[in-house]
């Protein structure tokens, strides 16, 4: 999916109906034509499309983060298995259903479900290892790029951060690449390395100037994307050709943004950069 599409989905999940309308306009023709090929009836396909997008608004919080939007919406539709599919018929022009869908969802407010136990455990695990986390509502103060109450704005050096937030055992630089159960990516001139054993497979943290690189095995980014909500201070971006998130860390004691992305089987995190461009420049050097 395109970055702009992911931003629209995140905004719609947060309750932005204008963003959902843009998604609807992008994909209603594809959903309508797929429904028509299945039902063989333009009026029936229109009804199916309308109902699918209304259900999509209500179910959006449960959408798998990486599922293509049009396919996911169509999967919500109730299609008659007895209908005769149209394979060679000329497809009718798709109607604009955006006004009808918005009118329908205005009458059916979406309810936010309580998080499942598995989700709560996932949050605890993510926060416990210091991974950047963007959440709606309750953590807005911690994710909006402002200091936590009572904390004085300051910039911690990687060494001071390592002392304040234990990163594990300091290890020789020549051991860092293969110290954990994966091959760690290294910057050109690392200034120190730490090995933590608090996550399966281990966690490697490497100092690069005033920045700190943390890496571990596992893919948590899709879950992080699913948590982006109202007031979130986060920006979706590309990191070495892969999807990443740049936003504030709930673990930090001072303002600061964190870049998190997936590279192969690893989740990587860079904190301490003054700007997104500075973090991306460091990410490009990792080998």
Foldseek 3Di string as FASTA:
>chain_A
DDQLLLVLLLALLQPDLVSLLVVCVVQLQVQLQVLCQQAVDNVVSLVQSLVLSLVCSQCSLVDQSPDDDNVVSSVSGDGDNPHDGDDPDDGDGGDNCSVVSVVVCVVPDHDDDDDDPVLVVVVCVCVVLQHAAWAPDPCLVQWLQFADPPFDADADAPVRVCVVPPPAAWDDPVCQQPVWQHGFWDFPDWDTKHWDDPDPRIKIWTHDGRKIKIKDFADCVSVRSSRNHPSGAWHWDAAPNFIWIWTGTSNDNHGWIKIWTDDVRMIMIMIRDPDPVRVSVRSVRID
